[in-house]
Amino acid sequence: MEEAKEKFPQKRDRLGHWIASLYVLEGKHQEALAELQDVIEHGLWWNPEILSADPDLSTLKPYAEFKTILLECQRMYETEKESAHALYTTLGNQEAETVLFPLHWKGSNIEEFSKQWADPGITNHYFMGFPQSSQLFSYQCYSWDDPTIAINDVRTTYQSFSQQHHLAEKVPIITGASQGGNIAAQMSLRADVEEFHYFIAIVPAFDLALLKETLTKQLDPFVKGFIMTGDQDPFYETVLEAVQLFEAYQIPCQLIVKEGMGHVFPADFPVVLEEAVQYVTEQDTKKD
């Protein structure tokens, strides 16, 4: 991890957090505090809740230095939060008929997240727009915590993306991982969100209460979904409950479960993604 700090300076916050946790496990509290302070001095920071809620760092709470670090993080967080705004970037084949709009997971950004879609098996076949939430979570990390703000961010960035690249005649599919997968599904289910009918959710972290609320309102009659997850994913049981809800409301949704997979992208993601795209768009052929 020390070597990684030099190789990936933009990851000093995560690496420093891990190193500090290791120092605490060794009982080296001053070294842990120095590690956290070093991150601050390099201009990086954390959402203070990340540090204060971490049980590995709980023994640092009595130290004045730790309290000072939390105050500095809070100051930097509030400063950055004021200027945070939704934006998007693009990737892939602009001539492709199918357009994907993937929503990053919580604690990520479009630069990191788009790399997971950069396989030629994906970029050659699809044109993609990657929206970044306006909701700052931590240093260069964003979330979709507030669903109302999230939906507004996604709709605003997609409209700009669609207009700039003349996508009116393309087939759009909203996709997302973890928390982004939850928002993607919610938006596709809603009849008042006209931009998207199809969703692909990757290891989604469904909000069941919000999902039930959405299902009791006017549903998009054309909604169709595809879920890929693993039986070792912490949200696996929630996904099964969500699928039961979809079945109860007669919403077409295919589920693929990868044995032994946790909260990650499938190893054969380009292949599974192609299967997902074919499934959700299949009804277009039937309607014609």
Protein backbone atom coordinates (compact mmCIF):
# COMPACT_ATOMS: atom_id res chain seq x y z
CA MET A 1 0.00 0.00 0.00
CA GLU A 2 2.91 2.36 0.59
CA GLU A 3 4.11 1.67 -2.95
CA ALA A 4 0.57 2.15 -4.24
CA LYS A 5 0.42 5.64 -2.74
CA GLU A 6 3.21 6.72 -5.07
CA LYS A 7 1.75 4.92 -8.06
CA PHE A 8 -1.85 6.05 -7.47
CA PRO A 9 -1.67 9.42 -5.67
CA GLN A 10 -5.36 10.09 -6.37
CA LYS A 11 -6.17 7.07 -4.17
CA ARG A 12 -4.26 8.30 -1.13
CA ASP A 13 -7.50 8.74 0.81
CA ARG A 14 -8.49 5.08 0.52
CA LEU A 15 -4.97 3.76 0.95
CA GLY A 16 -4.30 6.02 3.91
CA HIS A 17 -7.52 4.88 5.56
CA TRP A 18 -6.53 1.22 5.16
CA ILE A 19 -2.99 1.82 6.41
CA ALA A 20 -4.28 3.73 9.44
CA SER A 21 -6.62 0.82 10.22
CA LEU A 22 -3.67 -1.58 10.13
CA TYR A 23 -1.68 0.65 12.48
CA VAL A 24 -4.61 0.67 14.93
CA LEU A 25 -4.74 -3.13 14.85
CA GLU A 26 -1.07 -3.10 15.81
CA GLY A 27 -1.76 -0.64 18.62
CA LYS A 28 0.23 2.10 16.87
CA HIS A 29 -2.19 4.98 17.40
CA GLN A 30 0.23 7.84 16.73
CA GLU A 31 1.32 6.25 13.46
CA ALA A 32 -2.36 5.85 12.48
CA LEU A 33 -3.09 9.51 13.24
CA ALA A 34 0.02 10.58 11.30
CA GLU A 35 -1.14 8.54 8.29
CA LEU A 36 -4.56 10.21 8.29
CA GLN A 37 -2.96 13.64 8.68
CA ASP A 38 -0.63 12.92 5.76
CA VAL A 39 -3.64 12.38 3.51
CA ILE A 40 -5.06 15.76 4.56
CA GLU A 41 -1.71 17.45 3.87
CA HIS A 42 -1.77 16.04 0.34
CA GLY A 43 -5.10 17.78 -0.28
CA LEU A 44 -7.32 14.70 -0.04
CA TRP A 45 -10.01 14.08 2.57
CA TRP A 46 -12.93 11.87 3.59
CA ASN A 47 -16.57 12.35 4.36
CA PRO A 48 -16.07 12.61 8.15
CA GLU A 49 -18.75 9.97 8.71
CA ILE A 50 -16.53 7.40 6.97
CA LEU A 51 -13.85 7.82 9.63
CA SER A 52 -16.10 8.35 12.66
CA ALA A 53 -18.29 5.31 11.82
CA ASP A 54 -15.39 2.94 11.14
CA PRO A 55 -15.09 0.50 14.08
CA ASP A 56 -11.42 -0.12 13.19
CA LEU A 57 -10.68 3.51 14.05
CA SER A 58 -12.86 3.72 17.18
CA THR A 59 -9.86 3.73 19.54
CA LEU A 60 -8.67 6.98 17.92
CA LYS A 61 -11.78 8.93 18.95
CA PRO A 62 -10.39 10.18 22.31
CA TYR A 63 -7.38 11.79 20.61
CA ALA A 64 -7.49 15.54 19.96
CA GLU A 65 -5.65 14.96 16.66
CA PHE A 66 -8.44 12.70 15.42
CA LYS A 67 -11.07 15.31 16.29
CA THR A 68 -9.05 17.93 14.41
CA ILE A 69 -8.87 15.65 11.36
CA LEU A 70 -12.66 15.17 11.43
CA LEU A 71 -13.21 18.94 11.63
CA GLU A 72 -10.87 19.54 8.69
CA CYS A 73 -12.63 16.84 6.68
CA GLN A 74 -15.99 18.41 7.46
CA ARG A 75 -14.74 21.82 6.30
CA MET A 76 -13.38 20.41 3.02
CA TYR A 77 -16.50 18.30 2.47
CA GLU A 78 -18.82 21.29 2.88
CA THR A 79 -16.65 23.41 0.58
CA GLU A 80 -16.60 20.82 -2.20
CA LYS A 81 -20.29 20.04 -1.74
CA GLU A 82 -21.26 23.59 -2.71
CA SER A 83 -19.71 23.30 -6.16
CA ALA A 84 -20.75 19.68 -6.92
CA HIS A 85 -23.00 19.35 -9.97
CA ALA A 86 -24.26 16.64 -12.31
CA LEU A 87 -22.27 15.98 -15.49
CA TYR A 88 -21.63 13.18 -17.96
CA THR A 89 -19.03 11.68 -20.25
CA THR A 90 -19.30 9.39 -23.28
CA LEU A 91 -17.71 6.17 -24.48
CA GLY A 92 -18.23 3.68 -27.28
CA ASN A 93 -19.51 3.51 -30.84
CA GLN A 94 -21.57 6.57 -31.78
CA GLU A 95 -23.04 4.69 -34.75
CA ALA A 96 -24.49 1.93 -32.56
CA GLU A 97 -28.26 1.54 -32.49
CA THR A 98 -28.34 0.79 -28.77
CA VAL A 99 -27.51 3.48 -26.23
CA LEU A 100 -26.60 2.61 -22.64
CA PHE A 101 -26.76 5.10 -19.77
CA PRO A 102 -24.89 3.46 -16.85
CA LEU A 103 -25.23 4.89 -13.32
CA HIS A 104 -22.16 4.52 -11.12
CA TRP A 105 -22.28 2.88 -7.73
CA LYS A 106 -22.19 4.80 -4.48
CA GLY A 107 -18.73 6.10 -3.68
CA SER A 108 -17.53 6.19 -7.29
CA ASN A 109 -17.25 8.64 -10.19
CA ILE A 110 -17.59 8.50 -13.95
CA GLU A 111 -13.85 8.25 -14.58
CA GLU A 112 -13.51 5.11 -12.46
CA PHE A 113 -16.86 3.60 -13.36
CA SER A 114 -16.54 3.99 -17.13
CA LYS A 115 -13.34 1.91 -17.07
CA GLN A 116 -15.43 -1.14 -16.16
CA TRP A 117 -17.27 -0.72 -19.47
CA ALA A 118 -14.20 -0.14 -21.62
CA ASP A 119 -13.91 -3.69 -22.97
CA PRO A 120 -13.95 -3.67 -26.82
CA GLY A 121 -16.77 -6.23 -26.66
CA ILE A 122 -18.86 -3.41 -25.16
CA THR A 123 -17.46 -0.24 -26.72
CA ASN A 124 -17.73 -1.64 -30.27
CA HIS A 125 -21.42 -2.49 -29.89
CA TYR A 126 -22.89 0.33 -27.80
CA PHE A 127 -22.76 4.08 -27.40
CA MET A 128 -22.69 5.04 -23.73
CA GLY A 129 -23.24 8.12 -21.63
CA PHE A 130 -22.06 8.04 -18.02
CA PRO A 131 -23.83 10.48 -15.69
CA GLN A 132 -22.16 11.59 -12.47
CA SER A 133 -24.38 12.48 -9.54
CA SER A 134 -24.40 15.98 -8.05
CA GLN A 135 -24.52 14.40 -4.58
CA LEU A 136 -20.99 14.47 -3.17
CA PHE A 137 -20.23 11.51 -0.90
CA SER A 138 -16.51 11.85 -0.22
CA TYR A 139 -13.33 12.92 -2.03
CA GLN A 140 -14.06 12.45 -5.77
CA CYS A 141 -16.87 10.08 -4.80
CA TYR A 142 -20.58 10.56 -5.44
CA SER A 143 -23.83 8.89 -4.45
CA TRP A 144 -27.51 8.70 -5.42
CA ASP A 145 -28.69 8.91 -1.80
CA ASP A 146 -31.58 11.30 -2.42
CA PRO A 147 -33.78 9.61 -5.07
CA THR A 148 -35.50 12.86 -6.09
CA ILE A 149 -32.20 14.62 -6.76
CA ALA A 150 -30.85 11.45 -8.42
CA ILE A 151 -33.74 11.19 -10.86
CA ASN A 152 -33.45 14.88 -11.73
CA ASP A 153 -29.68 14.51 -12.30
CA VAL A 154 -30.17 11.48 -14.55
CA ARG A 155 -32.94 13.07 -16.60
CA THR A 156 -31.06 16.35 -17.02
CA THR A 157 -27.80 14.73 -18.09
CA TYR A 158 -29.56 12.26 -20.39
CA GLN A 159 -31.46 15.05 -22.14
CA SER A 160 -28.19 16.89 -22.77
CA PHE A 161 -26.53 13.66 -23.92
CA SER A 162 -29.45 12.81 -26.24
CA GLN A 163 -29.69 16.27 -27.77
CA GLN A 164 -25.96 16.69 -28.29
CA HIS A 165 -25.61 13.30 -30.01
CA HIS A 166 -29.00 13.18 -31.77
CA LEU A 167 -30.21 9.99 -30.09
CA ALA A 168 -33.95 10.35 -30.72
CA GLU A 169 -34.02 7.34 -33.05
CA LYS A 170 -31.81 5.13 -30.87
CA VAL A 171 -32.92 2.51 -28.32
CA PRO A 172 -31.94 3.74 -24.82
CA ILE A 173 -31.35 1.42 -21.87
CA ILE A 174 -30.67 2.77 -18.41
CA THR A 175 -28.25 0.60 -16.46
CA GLY A 176 -26.44 0.85 -13.16
CA ALA A 177 -24.48 -0.94 -10.47
CA SER A 178 -25.41 -1.24 -6.80
CA GLN A 179 -27.16 1.99 -5.75
CA GLY A 180 -27.08 3.08 -9.39
CA GLY A 181 -28.89 -0.15 -10.32
CA ASN A 182 -31.63 0.70 -7.85
CA ILE A 183 -32.17 4.16 -9.36
CA ALA A 184 -32.10 2.70 -12.90
CA ALA A 185 -34.90 0.25 -12.03
CA GLN A 186 -36.95 2.91 -10.21
CA MET A 187 -36.83 5.23 -13.22
CA SER A 188 -37.79 2.55 -15.72
CA LEU A 189 -40.78 1.52 -13.61
CA ARG A 190 -42.22 5.02 -13.44
CA ALA A 191 -44.69 6.01 -16.16
CA ASP A 192 -43.83 9.69 -15.64
CA VAL A 193 -40.21 9.05 -16.66
CA GLU A 194 -40.57 8.82 -20.42
CA GLU A 195 -36.87 8.58 -21.28
CA PHE A 196 -36.40 4.95 -20.25
CA HIS A 197 -38.45 1.75 -20.50
CA TYR A 198 -35.68 -0.83 -20.13
CA PHE A 199 -33.21 -1.32 -17.29
CA ILE A 200 -30.21 -3.53 -16.58
CA ALA A 201 -29.19 -3.72 -12.92
CA ILE A 202 -25.76 -5.03 -11.88
CA VAL A 203 -25.52 -6.28 -8.27
CA PRO A 204 -28.31 -3.82 -7.40
CA ALA A 205 -28.81 -2.49 -3.89
CA PHE A 206 -32.59 -2.20 -4.06
CA ASP A 207 -34.49 0.08 -1.70
CA LEU A 208 -37.48 -2.22 -1.18
CA ALA A 209 -39.64 0.39 0.54
CA LEU A 210 -39.15 2.83 -2.33
CA LEU A 211 -39.61 0.03 -4.84
CA LYS A 212 -42.97 -0.95 -3.34
CA GLU A 213 -44.05 2.68 -3.38
CA THR A 214 -43.11 2.99 -7.05
CA LEU A 215 -44.97 -0.20 -7.95
CA THR A 216 -48.22 1.03 -6.40
CA LYS A 217 -48.21 4.11 -8.63
CA GLN A 218 -48.77 4.28 -12.36
CA LEU A 219 -46.37 1.84 -13.95
CA ASP A 220 -44.70 2.15 -17.33
CA PRO A 221 -46.52 -0.50 -19.42
CA PHE A 222 -43.39 -1.09 -21.50
CA VAL A 223 -40.95 -1.62 -18.62
CA LYS A 224 -38.66 -4.61 -18.87
CA GLY A 225 -35.63 -5.45 -16.78
CA PHE A 226 -32.60 -7.66 -16.38
CA ILE A 227 -30.69 -8.25 -13.14
CA MET A 228 -27.26 -9.80 -12.74
CA THR A 229 -25.98 -10.56 -9.26
CA GLY A 230 -24.04 -13.12 -7.20
CA ASP A 231 -25.15 -15.45 -4.43
CA GLN A 232 -22.41 -13.98 -2.21
CA ASP A 233 -23.51 -10.40 -2.77
CA PRO A 234 -24.64 -8.71 0.50
CA PHE A 235 -27.81 -7.52 -1.29
CA TYR A 236 -28.64 -10.95 -2.75
CA GLU A 237 -31.67 -11.62 -0.52
CA THR A 238 -33.02 -8.15 -1.23
CA VAL A 239 -32.71 -8.84 -4.96
CA LEU A 240 -34.75 -12.03 -4.57
CA GLU A 241 -37.47 -10.07 -2.76
CA ALA A 242 -37.46 -7.45 -5.52
CA VAL A 243 -37.81 -10.13 -8.19
CA GLN A 244 -40.83 -11.53 -6.34
CA LEU A 245 -42.36 -8.05 -6.38
CA PHE A 246 -41.74 -7.77 -10.13
CA GLU A 247 -43.45 -11.12 -10.66
CA ALA A 248 -46.42 -10.06 -8.53
CA TYR A 249 -46.88 -6.97 -10.70
CA GLN A 250 -46.28 -8.99 -13.91
CA ILE A 251 -43.19 -7.03 -14.84
CA PRO A 252 -40.90 -8.97 -17.22
CA CYS A 253 -37.52 -9.25 -15.53
CA GLN A 254 -34.81 -11.87 -15.99
CA LEU A 255 -32.46 -12.71 -13.14
CA ILE A 256 -29.00 -14.23 -13.54
CA VAL A 257 -27.17 -15.33 -10.40
CA LYS A 258 -23.44 -16.03 -10.57
CA GLU A 259 -22.36 -18.69 -8.08
CA GLY A 260 -19.68 -17.48 -5.67
CA MET A 261 -19.78 -13.88 -6.93
CA GLY A 262 -19.92 -10.99 -4.45
CA HIS A 263 -20.54 -7.28 -4.96
CA VAL A 264 -18.57 -7.02 -8.20
CA PHE A 265 -19.08 -7.07 -11.95
CA PRO A 266 -19.31 -10.57 -13.49
CA ALA A 267 -16.02 -11.83 -14.92
CA ASP A 268 -17.79 -12.37 -18.26
CA PHE A 269 -19.56 -9.01 -18.13
CA PRO A 270 -19.49 -8.26 -21.90
CA VAL A 271 -21.21 -11.59 -22.60
CA VAL A 272 -23.84 -11.18 -19.88
CA LEU A 273 -24.44 -7.58 -20.94
CA GLU A 274 -25.16 -8.68 -24.51
CA GLU A 275 -27.64 -11.24 -23.20
CA ALA A 276 -29.26 -8.55 -21.06
CA VAL A 277 -29.58 -6.10 -23.96
CA GLN A 278 -31.14 -8.77 -26.17
CA TYR A 279 -33.63 -9.70 -23.47
CA VAL A 280 -34.89 -6.22 -22.62
CA THR A 281 -35.16 -5.09 -26.24
CA GLU A 282 -36.74 -8.30 -27.52
CA GLN A 283 -40.27 -7.00 -27.16
CA ASP A 284 -39.57 -4.28 -29.72
CA THR A 285 -39.47 -7.00 -32.38
CA LYS A 286 -42.68 -8.54 -31.02
CA LYS A 287 -44.47 -5.18 -31.07
CA ASP A 288 -43.45 -4.61 -34.69
